[in-house]
C-alpha atoms as a PDB file:
ATOM      1  CA  MET A   1      34.245 -23.925 -49.446  1.00  0.00           C
ATOM      2  CA  ASN A   2      35.162 -21.408 -52.103  1.00  0.00           C
ATOM      3  CA  PRO A   3      38.108 -19.402 -50.656  1.00  0.00           C
ATOM      4  CA  TYR A   4      36.419 -16.168 -51.694  1.00  0.00           C
ATOM      5  CA  LYS A   5      33.253 -17.201 -49.870  1.00  0.00           C
ATOM      6  CA  LYS A   6      35.340 -18.041 -46.799  1.00  0.00           C
ATOM      7  CA  ILE A   7      36.983 -14.625 -46.851  1.00  0.00           C
ATOM      8  CA  GLU A   8      33.580 -12.993 -47.347  1.00  0.00           C
ATOM      9  CA  ALA A   9      32.166 -14.892 -44.333  1.00  0.00           C
ATOM     10  CA  LEU A  10      35.117 -13.804 -42.184  1.00  0.00           C
ATOM     11  CA  VAL A  11      34.714 -10.183 -43.262  1.00  0.00           C
ATOM     12  CA  PHE A  12      30.977 -10.336 -42.559  1.00  0.00           C
ATOM     13  CA  ARG A  13      31.622 -11.782 -39.080  1.00  0.00           C
ATOM     14  CA  PHE A  14      34.215  -9.096 -38.390  1.00  0.00           C
ATOM     15  CA  MET A  15      31.846  -6.348 -39.500  1.00  0.00           C
ATOM     16  CA  LYS A  16      29.047  -7.783 -37.342  1.00  0.00           C
ATOM     17  CA  THR A  17      31.368  -7.895 -34.333  1.00  0.00           C
ATOM     18  CA  LEU A  18      32.549  -4.356 -35.049  1.00  0.00           C
ATOM     19  CA  LYS A  19      28.949  -3.180 -35.332  1.00  0.00           C
ATOM     20  CA  LEU A  20      28.037  -4.720 -31.968  1.00  0.00           C
ATOM     21  CA  PHE A  21      31.158  -3.202 -30.419  1.00  0.00           C
ATOM     22  CA  THR A  22      30.269   0.193 -31.872  1.00  0.00           C
ATOM     23  CA  ILE A  23      26.704  -0.003 -30.567  1.00  0.00           C
ATOM     24  CA  GLY A  24      27.960  -1.095 -27.146  1.00  0.00           C
ATOM     25  CA  LEU A  25      30.492   1.727 -27.071  1.00  0.00           C
ATOM     26  CA  ALA A  26      27.797   4.199 -28.060  1.00  0.00           C
ATOM     27  CA  LEU A  27      25.558   2.964 -25.238  1.00  0.00           C
ATOM     28  CA  ILE A  28      28.429   3.256 -22.761  1.00  0.00           C
ATOM     29  CA  CYS A  29      29.069   6.807 -23.929  1.00  0.00           C
ATOM     30  CA  ILE A  30      25.397   7.680 -23.591  1.00  0.00           C
ATOM     31  CA  VAL A  31      25.215   6.274 -20.060  1.00  0.00           C
ATOM     32  CA  ALA A  32      28.497   7.930 -19.090  1.00  0.00           C
ATOM     33  CA  GLY A  33      27.284  11.197 -20.538  1.00  0.00           C
ATOM     34  CA  PHE A  34      24.010  10.908 -18.613  1.00  0.00           C
ATOM     35  CA  VAL A  35      25.799  10.244 -15.336  1.00  0.00           C
ATOM     36  CA  GLU A  36      28.188  13.109 -15.951  1.00  0.00           C
ATOM     37  CA  ALA A  37      25.339  15.407 -16.857  1.00  0.00           C
ATOM     38  CA  ALA A  38      23.177  14.533 -13.817  1.00  0.00           C
ATOM     39  CA  PRO A  39      22.488  17.922 -12.186  1.00  0.00           C
ATOM     40  CA  LEU A  40      22.390  16.518  -8.635  1.00  0.00           C
ATOM     41  CA  THR A  41      24.019  13.568  -6.894  1.00  0.00           C
ATOM     42  CA  PRO A  42      22.289  12.547  -3.632  1.00  0.00           C
ATOM     43  CA  GLY A  43      24.365  11.720  -0.587  1.00  0.00           C
ATOM     44  CA  SER A  44      23.371   9.420   2.258  1.00  0.00           C
ATOM     45  CA  PRO A  45      20.499  10.495   4.538  1.00  0.00           C
ATOM     46  CA  ILE A  46      21.675  11.853   7.893  1.00  0.00           C
ATOM     47  CA  SER A  47      19.562  10.671  10.814  1.00  0.00           C
ATOM     48  CA  ILE A  48      18.623  13.354  13.364  1.00  0.00           C
ATOM     49  CA  PRO A  49      18.882  12.042  16.935  1.00  0.00           C
ATOM     50  CA  ASN A  50      15.873  12.187  19.252  1.00  0.00           C
ATOM     51  CA  SER A  51      13.528  13.450  16.581  1.00  0.00           C
ATOM     52  CA  HIS A  52      10.478  12.463  14.602  1.00  0.00           C
ATOM     53  CA  GLY A  53       7.982  13.969  12.203  1.00  0.00           C
ATOM     54  CA  GLY A  54       8.163  16.242   9.195  1.00  0.00           C
ATOM     55  CA  PHE A  55       9.416  19.722   8.376  1.00  0.00           C
ATOM     56  CA  ASP A  56       8.072  22.770   6.594  1.00  0.00           C
ATOM     57  CA  PHE A  57      10.263  25.473   4.995  1.00  0.00           C
ATOM     58  CA  ILE A  58      14.034  25.203   5.431  1.00  0.00           C
ATOM     59  CA  GLU A  59      16.689  27.853   4.798  1.00  0.00           C
ATOM     60  CA  VAL A  60      20.480  28.299   4.760  1.00  0.00           C
ATOM     61  CA  ASP A  61      22.188  31.015   6.794  1.00  0.00           C
ATOM     62  CA  GLN A  62      24.804  31.771   4.143  1.00  0.00           C
ATOM     63  CA  GLN A  63      27.058  33.890   6.340  1.00  0.00           C
ATOM     64  CA  ASN A  64      27.348  31.311   9.129  1.00  0.00           C
ATOM     65  CA  SER A  65      27.086  28.167   6.952  1.00  0.00           C
ATOM     66  CA  ARG A  66      24.074  26.804   8.785  1.00  0.00           C
ATOM     67  CA  LEU A  67      21.124  24.783   7.607  1.00  0.00           C
ATOM     68  CA  LEU A  68      18.044  25.958   9.521  1.00  0.00           C
ATOM     69  CA  ALA A  69      15.171  23.487   9.639  1.00  0.00           C
ATOM     70  CA  PRO A  70      11.901  24.377  11.373  1.00  0.00           C
ATOM     71  CA  HIS A  71      11.018  20.848  12.531  1.00  0.00           C
ATOM     72  CA  THR A  72       7.294  21.365  12.744  1.00  0.00           C
ATOM     73  CA  ARG A  73       6.192  17.949  14.014  1.00  0.00           C
ATOM     74  CA  ASN A  74       9.101  17.701  16.440  1.00  0.00           C
ATOM     75  CA  GLY A  75       8.471  21.107  18.001  1.00  0.00           C
ATOM     76  CA  THR A  76      12.047  22.269  17.430  1.00  0.00           C
ATOM     77  CA  LEU A  77      14.230  24.436  15.254  1.00  0.00           C
ATOM     78  CA  ASP A  78      17.036  22.136  14.133  1.00  0.00           C
ATOM     79  CA  VAL A  79      20.313  23.889  13.336  1.00  0.00           C
ATOM     80  CA  PHE A  80      22.989  22.083  11.295  1.00  0.00           C
ATOM     81  CA  ASP A  81      26.398  22.836   9.793  1.00  0.00           C
ATOM     82  CA  SER A  82      25.519  23.235   6.101  1.00  0.00           C
ATOM     83  CA  THR A  83      28.967  22.034   5.001  1.00  0.00           C
ATOM     84  CA  ASN A  84      28.646  18.548   6.515  1.00  0.00           C
ATOM     85  CA  GLY A  85      25.170  18.155   8.021  1.00  0.00           C
ATOM     86  CA  LYS A  86      26.388  17.933  11.626  1.00  0.00           C
ATOM     87  CA  LEU A  87      23.688  18.856  14.161  1.00  0.00           C
ATOM     88  CA  ILE A  88      24.631  21.995  16.105  1.00  0.00           C
ATOM     89  CA  LYS A  89      21.556  22.421  18.290  1.00  0.00           C
ATOM     90  CA  GLN A  90      17.875  21.604  18.586  1.00  0.00           C
ATOM     91  CA  CYS A  91      15.957  24.611  19.904  1.00  0.00           C
ATOM     92  CA  SER A  92      12.604  23.865  21.579  1.00  0.00           C
ATOM     93  CA  LEU A  93      10.110  26.362  20.168  1.00  0.00           C
ATOM     94  CA  GLY A  94       6.933  24.394  19.592  1.00  0.00           C
ATOM     95  CA  ALA A  95       5.597  23.994  16.062  1.00  0.00           C
ATOM     96  CA  THR A  96       7.326  26.380  13.655  1.00  0.00           C
ATOM     97  CA  GLN A  97       6.822  26.717   9.907  1.00  0.00           C
ATOM     98  CA  SER A  98       9.412  29.041   8.358  1.00  0.00           C
ATOM     99  CA  LEU A  99      12.110  31.572   9.141  1.00  0.00           C
ATOM    100  CA  ALA A 100      14.158  34.467   7.796  1.00  0.00           C
ATOM    101  CA  VAL A 101      17.763  35.501   8.406  1.00  0.00           C
ATOM    102  CA  ASP A 102      18.725  39.046   9.382  1.00  0.00           C
ATOM    103  CA  ALA A 103      22.502  38.821   9.006  1.00  0.00           C
ATOM    104  CA  LYS A 104      23.145  42.509   9.684  1.00  0.00           C
ATOM    105  CA  SER A 105      21.350  42.512  13.036  1.00  0.00           C
ATOM    106  CA  GLY A 106      22.392  38.982  13.927  1.00  0.00           C
ATOM    107  CA  LYS A 107      18.850  37.648  14.296  1.00  0.00           C
ATOM    108  CA  TYR A 108      16.617  34.838  13.089  1.00  0.00           C
ATOM    109  CA  TYR A 109      12.874  35.479  12.778  1.00  0.00           C
ATOM    110  CA  ILE A 110      10.739  32.349  13.132  1.00  0.00           C
ATOM    111  CA  ALA A 111       7.032  31.826  12.452  1.00  0.00           C
ATOM    112  CA  GLY A 112       5.230  29.844  15.158  1.00  0.00           C
ATOM    113  CA  SER A 113       1.945  28.063  14.468  1.00  0.00           C
ATOM    114  CA  ASP A 114       0.779  26.147  17.554  1.00  0.00           C
ATOM    115  CA  LYS A 115       1.485  29.250  19.637  1.00  0.00           C
ATOM    116  CA  PRO A 116       0.805  32.027  17.081  1.00  0.00           C
ATOM    117  CA  ARG A 117       3.809  34.310  17.242  1.00  0.00           C
ATOM    118  CA  LEU A 118       6.918  35.636  15.578  1.00  0.00           C
ATOM    119  CA  VAL A 119      10.013  34.600  17.521  1.00  0.00           C
ATOM    120  CA  THR A 120      13.271  36.578  17.415  1.00  0.00           C
ATOM    121  CA  MET A 121      16.394  34.495  18.073  1.00  0.00           C
ATOM    122  CA  ASP A 122      19.993  35.590  18.539  1.00  0.00           C
ATOM    123  CA  ILE A 123      22.198  34.047  15.836  1.00  0.00           C
ATOM    124  CA  LYS A 124      25.226  33.592  18.102  1.00  0.00           C
ATOM    125  CA  THR A 125      23.551  32.146  21.191  1.00  0.00           C
ATOM    126  CA  LEU A 126      20.523  30.540  19.516  1.00  0.00           C
ATOM    127  CA  GLU A 127      18.417  31.883  22.376  1.00  0.00           C
ATOM    128  CA  ILE A 128      15.056  33.679  22.135  1.00  0.00           C
ATOM    129  CA  VAL A 129      15.474  37.441  22.581  1.00  0.00           C
ATOM    130  CA  GLY A 130      12.057  38.683  21.455  1.00  0.00           C
ATOM    131  CA  GLU A 131       8.510  37.646  20.613  1.00  0.00           C
ATOM    132  CA  THR A 132       5.489  39.159  18.846  1.00  0.00           C
ATOM    133  CA  ALA A 133       2.032  37.697  19.474  1.00  0.00           C
ATOM    134  CA  LEU A 134      -0.085  37.138  16.356  1.00  0.00           C
ATOM    135  CA  SER A 135      -3.837  36.698  15.973  1.00  0.00           C
ATOM    136  CA  GLY A 136      -3.597  33.381  14.122  1.00  0.00           C
ATOM    137  CA  PRO A 137      -1.232  30.556  13.154  1.00  0.00           C
ATOM    138  CA  ALA A 138       1.829  31.850  11.294  1.00  0.00           C
ATOM    139  CA  ASP A 139       3.066  30.094   8.175  1.00  0.00           C
ATOM    140  CA  ILE A 140       5.125  31.829   5.454  1.00  0.00           C
ATOM    141  CA  LEU A 141       7.688  34.500   6.311  1.00  0.00           C
ATOM    142  CA  THR A 142      10.076  36.937   4.642  1.00  0.00           C
ATOM    143  CA  PHE A 143      12.176  39.838   5.909  1.00  0.00           C
ATOM    144  CA  ASP A 144      12.534  43.369   4.546  1.00  0.00           C
ATOM    145  CA  PRO A 145      15.937  44.629   5.784  1.00  0.00           C
ATOM    146  CA  LYS A 146      15.371  48.097   4.353  1.00  0.00           C
ATOM    147  CA  ASN A 147      12.444  48.814   6.666  1.00  0.00           C
ATOM    148  CA  HIS A 148      13.312  46.223   9.352  1.00  0.00           C
ATOM    149  CA  VAL A 149       9.939  44.573   8.915  1.00  0.00           C
ATOM    150  CA  ALA A 150       9.056  40.883   8.854  1.00  0.00           C
ATOM    151  CA  TYR A 151       6.078  39.884   6.692  1.00  0.00           C
ATOM    152  CA  VAL A 152       4.230  36.864   8.049  1.00  0.00           C
ATOM    153  CA  GLY A 153       1.388  35.087   6.270  1.00  0.00           C
ATOM    154  CA  ARG A 154      -1.479  33.479   8.162  1.00  0.00           C
ATOM    155  CA  ASP A 155      -1.788  29.763   7.454  1.00  0.00           C
ATOM    156  CA  ASP A 156      -4.438  29.384   4.712  1.00  0.00           C
ATOM    157  CA  GLY A 157      -5.802  32.760   5.754  1.00  0.00           C
ATOM    158  CA  MET A 158      -6.500  36.092   4.094  1.00  0.00           C
ATOM    159  CA  GLU A 159      -3.935  38.329   5.734  1.00  0.00           C
ATOM    160  CA  VAL A 160      -0.239  39.112   6.053  1.00  0.00           C
ATOM    161  CA  TRP A 161       1.094  40.709   9.210  1.00  0.00           C
ATOM    162  CA  ALA A 162       3.800  43.376   8.960  1.00  0.00           C
ATOM    163  CA  VAL A 163       5.888  43.137  12.146  1.00  0.00           C
ATOM    164  CA  ASP A 164       8.370  45.782  13.281  1.00  0.00           C
ATOM    165  CA  VAL A 165      11.165  43.519  14.553  1.00  0.00           C
ATOM    166  CA  ALA A 166      12.745  46.262  16.688  1.00  0.00           C
ATOM    167  CA  SER A 167       9.624  46.943  18.755  1.00  0.00           C
ATOM    168  CA  ASN A 168       8.075  43.460  18.388  1.00  0.00           C
ATOM    169  CA  LYS A 169       4.801  44.999  17.262  1.00  0.00           C
ATOM    170  CA  VAL A 170       2.387  44.342  14.417  1.00  0.00           C
ATOM    171  CA  ILE A 171       2.307  47.621  12.493  1.00  0.00           C
ATOM    172  CA  ALA A 172      -0.118  46.527   9.766  1.00  0.00           C
ATOM    173  CA  THR A 173      -2.514  43.718   8.917  1.00  0.00           C
ATOM    174  CA  ILE A 174      -2.645  43.482   5.135  1.00  0.00           C
ATOM    175  CA  PRO A 175      -5.707  41.883   3.503  1.00  0.00           C
ATOM    176  CA  ILE A 176      -4.797  39.426   0.742  1.00  0.00           C
ATOM    177  CA  PRO A 177      -6.683  36.825  -1.319  1.00  0.00           C
ATOM    178  CA  GLU A 178      -7.192  33.515   0.482  1.00  0.00           C
ATOM    179  CA  GLY A 179      -4.488  30.856   0.528  1.00  0.00           C
ATOM    180  CA  PRO A 180      -0.940  32.293   0.791  1.00  0.00           C
ATOM    181  CA  GLU A 181       1.742  29.680   0.099  1.00  0.00           C
ATOM    182  CA  GLY A 182       5.081  31.359  -0.764  1.00  0.00           C
ATOM    183  CA  ILE A 183       6.549  34.768   0.013  1.00  0.00           C
ATOM    184  CA  VAL A 184       9.721  36.701  -0.899  1.00  0.00           C
ATOM    185  CA  TYR A 185      10.980  40.259  -0.527  1.00  0.00           C
ATOM    186  CA  ASP A 186      12.672  41.906  -3.517  1.00  0.00           C
ATOM    187  CA  GLU A 187      15.180  44.555  -2.457  1.00  0.00           C
ATOM    188  CA  THR A 188      15.523  45.896  -6.014  1.00  0.00           C
ATOM    189  CA  SER A 189      11.867  46.783  -6.558  1.00  0.00           C
ATOM    190  CA  ASP A 190      11.133  47.118  -2.812  1.00  0.00           C
ATOM    191  CA  ARG A 191       8.138  44.818  -3.110  1.00  0.00           C
ATOM    192  CA  VAL A 192       6.867  41.736  -1.291  1.00  0.00           C
ATOM    193  CA  PHE A 193       5.518  38.939  -3.496  1.00  0.00           C
ATOM    194  CA  VAL A 194       3.036  36.346  -2.228  1.00  0.00           C
ATOM    195  CA  ASN A 195       1.834  33.217  -4.037  1.00  0.00           C
ATOM    196  CA  ILE A 196      -1.921  32.733  -3.688  1.00  0.00           C
ATOM    197  CA  LYS A 197      -2.942  29.129  -4.319  1.00  0.00           C
ATOM    198  CA  LYS A 198      -6.731  29.591  -4.247  1.00  0.00           C
ATOM    199  CA  SER A 199      -6.864  32.072  -7.129  1.00  0.00           C
ATOM    200  CA  SER A 200      -3.533  31.237  -8.856  1.00  0.00           C
ATOM    201  CA  VAL A 201      -2.052  34.726  -8.659  1.00  0.00           C
ATOM    202  CA  VAL A 202       0.941  36.505  -7.182  1.00  0.00           C
ATOM    203  CA  ALA A 203      -0.089  39.314  -4.838  1.00  0.00           C
ATOM    204  CA  VAL A 204       2.290  42.296  -4.914  1.00  0.00           C
ATOM    205  CA  ILE A 205       2.575  44.164  -1.606  1.00  0.00           C
ATOM    206  CA  ASP A 206       3.899  47.719  -1.458  1.00  0.00           C
ATOM    207  CA  PRO A 207       5.818  48.077   1.861  1.00  0.00           C
ATOM    208  CA  ALA A 208       5.451  51.863   1.803  1.00  0.00           C
ATOM    209  CA  ALA A 209       1.669  51.578   1.995  1.00  0.00           C
ATOM    210  CA  ASN A 210       1.479  48.035   3.383  1.00  0.00           C
ATOM    211  CA  LYS A 211      -1.238  47.024   0.975  1.00  0.00           C
ATOM    212  CA  VAL A 212      -1.642  44.898  -2.146  1.00  0.00           C
ATOM    213  CA  ALA A 213      -0.750  47.029  -5.156  1.00  0.00           C
ATOM    214  CA  ALA A 214      -1.387  44.407  -7.864  1.00  0.00           C
ATOM    215  CA  THR A 215      -2.165  40.749  -8.546  1.00  0.00           C
ATOM    216  CA  TRP A 216      -0.469  38.852 -11.366  1.00  0.00           C
ATOM    217  CA  PRO A 217      -1.983  35.669 -12.872  1.00  0.00           C
ATOM    218  CA  THR A 218       0.363  32.662 -12.771  1.00  0.00           C
ATOM    219  CA  LYS A 219      -1.122  30.682 -15.674  1.00  0.00           C
ATOM    220  CA  PRO A 220      -0.087  27.980 -16.680  1.00  0.00           C
ATOM    221  CA  ALA A 221       1.000  27.360 -13.043  1.00  0.00           C
ATOM    222  CA  GLN A 222      -2.076  26.518 -11.009  1.00  0.00           C
ATOM    223  CA  ALA A 223      -2.240  26.695  -7.191  1.00  0.00           C
ATOM    224  CA  PRO A 224       1.285  28.157  -6.904  1.00  0.00           C
ATOM    225  CA  HIS A 225       3.303  27.130  -3.840  1.00  0.00           C
ATOM    226  CA  GLY A 226       7.103  27.528  -4.040  1.00  0.00           C
ATOM    227  CA  LEU A 227       8.460  31.008  -4.786  1.00  0.00           C
ATOM    228  CA  ALA A 228      12.002  32.307  -5.433  1.00  0.00           C
ATOM    229  CA  ILE A 229      13.568  35.401  -6.959  1.00  0.00           C
ATOM    230  CA  ASP A 230      16.627  36.565  -8.884  1.00  0.00           C
ATOM    231  CA  THR A 231      16.894  40.201  -7.872  1.00  0.00           C
ATOM    232  CA  ALA A 232      19.661  41.002 -10.375  1.00  0.00           C
ATOM    233  CA  MET A 233      17.707  39.677 -13.361  1.00  0.00           C
ATOM    234  CA  HIS A 234      14.325  40.934 -12.107  1.00  0.00           C
ATOM    235  CA  ARG A 235      12.875  37.445 -12.386  1.00  0.00           C
ATOM    236  CA  LEU A 236      10.408  35.683 -10.114  1.00  0.00           C
ATOM    237  CA  PHE A 237       9.959  31.892 -10.193  1.00  0.00           C
ATOM    238  CA  ALA A 238       6.744  30.229  -9.025  1.00  0.00           C
ATOM    239  CA  ALA A 239       5.938  26.510  -8.904  1.00  0.00           C
ATOM    240  CA  GLY A 240       2.353  25.377  -9.469  1.00  0.00           C
ATOM    241  CA  ALA A 241       0.948  22.297  -7.762  1.00  0.00           C
ATOM    242  CA  ASN A 242      -0.082  21.122 -11.256  1.00  0.00           C
ATOM    243  CA  GLY A 243       3.568  20.629 -12.285  1.00  0.00           C
ATOM    244  CA  GLN A 244       4.371  23.924 -14.003  1.00  0.00           C
ATOM    245  CA  LEU A 245       7.244  26.254 -13.104  1.00  0.00           C
ATOM    246  CA  ILE A 246       6.898  29.799 -14.425  1.00  0.00           C
ATOM    247  CA  GLU A 247       9.233  32.741 -14.854  1.00  0.00           C
ATOM    248  CA  ILE A 248       7.729  36.189 -14.234  1.00  0.00           C
ATOM    249  CA  ASP A 249       9.226  39.513 -15.278  1.00  0.00           C
ATOM    250  CA  VAL A 250       9.109  41.555 -12.047  1.00  0.00           C
ATOM    251  CA  GLU A 251       9.022  44.830 -13.976  1.00  0.00           C
ATOM    252  CA  THR A 252       5.926  43.917 -16.025  1.00  0.00           C
ATOM    253  CA  GLY A 253       4.253  41.109 -14.082  1.00  0.00           C
ATOM    254  CA  GLU A 254       4.108  38.978 -17.221  1.00  0.00           C
ATOM    255  CA  VAL A 255       4.854  35.247 -17.419  1.00  0.00           C
ATOM    256  CA  VAL A 256       7.708  34.995 -19.941  1.00  0.00           C
ATOM    257  CA  SER A 257       8.458  31.240 -19.881  1.00  0.00           C
ATOM    258  CA  SER A 258       7.430  27.980 -18.240  1.00  0.00           C
ATOM    259  CA  ALA A 259       8.676  24.415 -17.796  1.00  0.00           C
ATOM    260  CA  LYS A 260       7.097  21.090 -16.876  1.00  0.00           C
ATOM    261  CA  ILE A 261       8.197  19.891 -13.425  1.00  0.00           C
ATOM    262  CA  ALA A 262       6.958  17.293 -10.945  1.00  0.00           C
ATOM    263  CA  SER A 263       3.519  17.930  -9.492  1.00  0.00           C
ATOM    264  CA  ARG A 264       2.901  18.748  -5.821  1.00  0.00           C
ATOM    265  CA  VAL A 265       6.030  20.896  -5.504  1.00  0.00           C
ATOM    266  CA  ASP A 266       6.055  22.844  -2.255  1.00  0.00           C
ATOM    267  CA  GLN A 267       9.269  24.764  -1.554  1.00  0.00           C
ATOM    268  CA  ILE A 268      11.731  25.845  -4.256  1.00  0.00           C
ATOM    269  CA  ALA A 269      15.253  27.260  -3.969  1.00  0.00           C
ATOM    270  CA  TYR A 270      17.353  29.281  -6.406  1.00  0.00           C
ATOM    271  CA  ASP A 271      21.114  29.346  -6.989  1.00  0.00           C
ATOM    272  CA  PRO A 272      21.861  32.683  -8.721  1.00  0.00           C
ATOM    273  CA  GLU A 273      25.421  31.729  -9.723  1.00  0.00           C
ATOM    274  CA  LEU A 274      24.397  28.499 -11.456  1.00  0.00           C
ATOM    275  CA  LYS A 275      21.006  30.018 -12.385  1.00  0.00           C
ATOM    276  CA  ARG A 276      19.212  26.860 -11.310  1.00  0.00           C
ATOM    277  CA  ILE A 277      15.879  26.376  -9.622  1.00  0.00           C
ATOM    278  CA  TYR A 278      15.437  23.345  -7.370  1.00  0.00           C
ATOM    279  CA  CYS A 279      11.827  22.251  -6.912  1.00  0.00           C
ATOM    280  CA  ALA A 280      11.028  19.815  -4.095  1.00  0.00           C
ATOM    281  CA  SER A 281       7.994  17.549  -4.441  1.00  0.00           C
ATOM    282  CA  GLY A 282       6.710  15.397  -1.616  1.00  0.00           C
ATOM    283  CA  SER A 283       5.978  12.752  -4.236  1.00  0.00           C
ATOM    284  CA  GLY A 284       9.689  11.839  -4.141  1.00  0.00           C
ATOM    285  CA  VAL A 285      11.194  13.928  -6.946  1.00  0.00           C
ATOM    286  CA  MET A 286      13.475  16.966  -7.066  1.00  0.00           C
ATOM    287  CA  SER A 287      13.026  18.817 -10.363  1.00  0.00           C
ATOM    288  CA  VAL A 288      16.100  20.763 -11.495  1.00  0.00           C
ATOM    289  CA  VAL A 289      15.468  23.635 -13.912  1.00  0.00           C
ATOM    290  CA  GLN A 290      18.038  25.841 -15.645  1.00  0.00           C
ATOM    291  CA  TRP A 291      17.353  29.490 -16.431  1.00  0.00           C
ATOM    292  CA  LYS A 292      18.529  30.536 -19.897  1.00  0.00           C
ATOM    293  CA  ASP A 293      18.031  33.583 -22.074  1.00  0.00           C
ATOM    294  CA  SER A 294      15.728  31.445 -24.190  1.00  0.00           C
ATOM    295  CA  GLY A 295      13.623  30.422 -21.181  1.00  0.00           C
ATOM    296  CA  LEU A 296      13.416  27.709 -18.537  1.00  0.00           C
ATOM    297  CA  GLU A 297      14.930  24.305 -19.371  1.00  0.00           C
ATOM    298  CA  VAL A 298      14.498  21.130 -17.313  1.00  0.00           C
ATOM    299  CA  LEU A 299      17.840  19.448 -16.536  1.00  0.00           C
ATOM    300  CA  GLY A 300      16.500  16.416 -14.765  1.00  0.00           C
ATOM    301  CA  PHE A 301      14.313  14.747 -12.165  1.00  0.00           C
ATOM    302  CA  ILE A 302      16.242  13.396  -9.168  1.00  0.00           C
ATOM    303  CA  PRO A 303      14.672  10.739  -6.905  1.00  0.00           C
ATOM    304  CA  THR A 304      14.360  11.837  -3.266  1.00  0.00           C
ATOM    305  CA  PRO A 305      12.627  10.264  -0.257  1.00  0.00           C
ATOM    306  CA  LYS A 306       8.846  10.600  -0.305  1.00  0.00           C
ATOM    307  CA  GLY A 307       7.665  13.505   1.790  1.00  0.00           C
ATOM    308  CA  ALA A 308      10.798  15.582   1.090  1.00  0.00           C
ATOM    309  CA  HIS A 309       8.969  18.769   0.090  1.00  0.00           C
ATOM    310  CA  SER A 310      11.511  21.218   1.573  1.00  0.00           C
ATOM    311  CA  VAL A 311      14.649  22.523  -0.138  1.00  0.00           C
ATOM    312  CA  ALA A 312      17.440  25.032   0.450  1.00  0.00           C
ATOM    313  CA  VAL A 313      20.771  25.681  -1.269  1.00  0.00           C
ATOM    314  CA  ASP A 314      24.132  26.682   0.214  1.00  0.00           C
ATOM    315  CA  LEU A 315      25.379  29.365  -2.176  1.00  0.00           C
ATOM    316  CA  LYS A 316      29.011  28.932  -1.100  1.00  0.00           C
ATOM    317  CA  THR A 317      29.239  25.213  -1.868  1.00  0.00           C
ATOM    318  CA  HIS A 318      26.185  24.898  -4.178  1.00  0.00           C
ATOM    319  CA  MET A 319      25.092  21.993  -1.984  1.00  0.00           C
ATOM    320  CA  VAL A 320      21.343  21.395  -2.044  1.00  0.00           C
ATOM    321  CA  TRP A 321      19.564  20.230   1.122  1.00  0.00           C
ATOM    322  CA  THR A 322      16.205  18.642   1.795  1.00  0.00           C
ATOM    323  CA  ALA A 323      14.533  17.159   4.897  1.00  0.00           C
ATOM    324  CA  CYS A 324      12.127  14.288   5.450  1.00  0.00           C
ATOM    325  CA  ASP A 325      10.929  11.627   7.872  1.00  0.00           C
ATOM    326  CA  ASP A 326       9.706   8.055   8.014  1.00  0.00           C
ATOM    327  CA  ALA A 327       7.705   6.133  10.607  1.00  0.00           C
ATOM    328  CA  GLU A 328      10.619   6.132  13.065  1.00  0.00           C
ATOM    329  CA  LYS A 329      13.075   8.971  12.478  1.00  0.00           C
ATOM    330  CA  SER A 330      13.717  12.278  10.738  1.00  0.00           C
ATOM    331  CA  TYR A 331      16.514  12.964   8.278  1.00  0.00           C
ATOM    332  CA  ILE A 332      18.293  15.612   6.276  1.00  0.00           C
ATOM    333  CA  LEU A 333      19.783  14.822   2.894  1.00  0.00           C
ATOM    334  CA  SER A 334      22.414  16.641   0.841  1.00  0.00           C
ATOM    335  CA  LEU A 335      22.597  16.616  -2.957  1.00  0.00           C
ATOM    336  CA  LYS A 336      25.771  17.711  -4.713  1.00  0.00           C
ATOM    337  CA  ALA A 337      25.272  19.963  -7.730  1.00  0.00           C
ATOM    338  CA  SER A 338      27.252  19.490 -10.924  1.00  0.00           C
ATOM    339  CA  LYS A 339      28.417  22.551 -12.820  1.00  0.00           C
END
């Protein structure tokens, strides 16, 4: 063979090898970058002893580092250490749907559905210290610490009860459009916001008058379920069952941005430090969305167990929690957030 041709063949082979190496290195970098950039890393499911069935809304007691899980099908309120998932106590309450934390008064307020009532529980002892009978099954719940009033939505009904937690009395029954699904209190505007799935609006309740002051369309989010708020930025986040998350300006009621998320999202949770919205879908996906000045941006879709439609975030550790069940047992699952 011509020596020049031999050298040329060797050079060509070297360049081909270098090209393959470069492509391989690029792929490794891409994969490594993806893993590094994953917004959530799931841990191992933690089995809950002597339990079965699904959950509804879950919350974190930030002050006491507790994960609070109304275990609807099990008839208990399950209380865990939110730093490690260790079960602290199962409180027998019957079917419960949601709860609110009153850190100042040292109370939990819990919505009961099989026995329609609002339960008041002592944070330290985890014992019932009060109860308010309601005229129908309770579902969604939020607490207004300014007026010491709990707002409780009737399951798929057309009313919200305003309950004075000091006297354990219903002080107002507020007519709303049919189908309440999410509720939050905003201390900055002193308003209660309620997602209405039937008409795809947010109902705005004025606590001073205890009536609906306005309704805001949630288009493009249809049948909104999960609801969360950033009080400092005056932003409301609502997740539509059709797979759209929207950002609403609380001062104007206008939808200012949206993002495509998984469909069938139920509960959502917001981390104000990271400015992230976690959207739990029972279809087996946790959508992670970042708030930016330019609008909402999807960071990723994290696989979760099917049926895990509940979510809460520990603001101290930024740990995200969900809850689910299978044919035999119930579980909680932590997901570590990347910064």
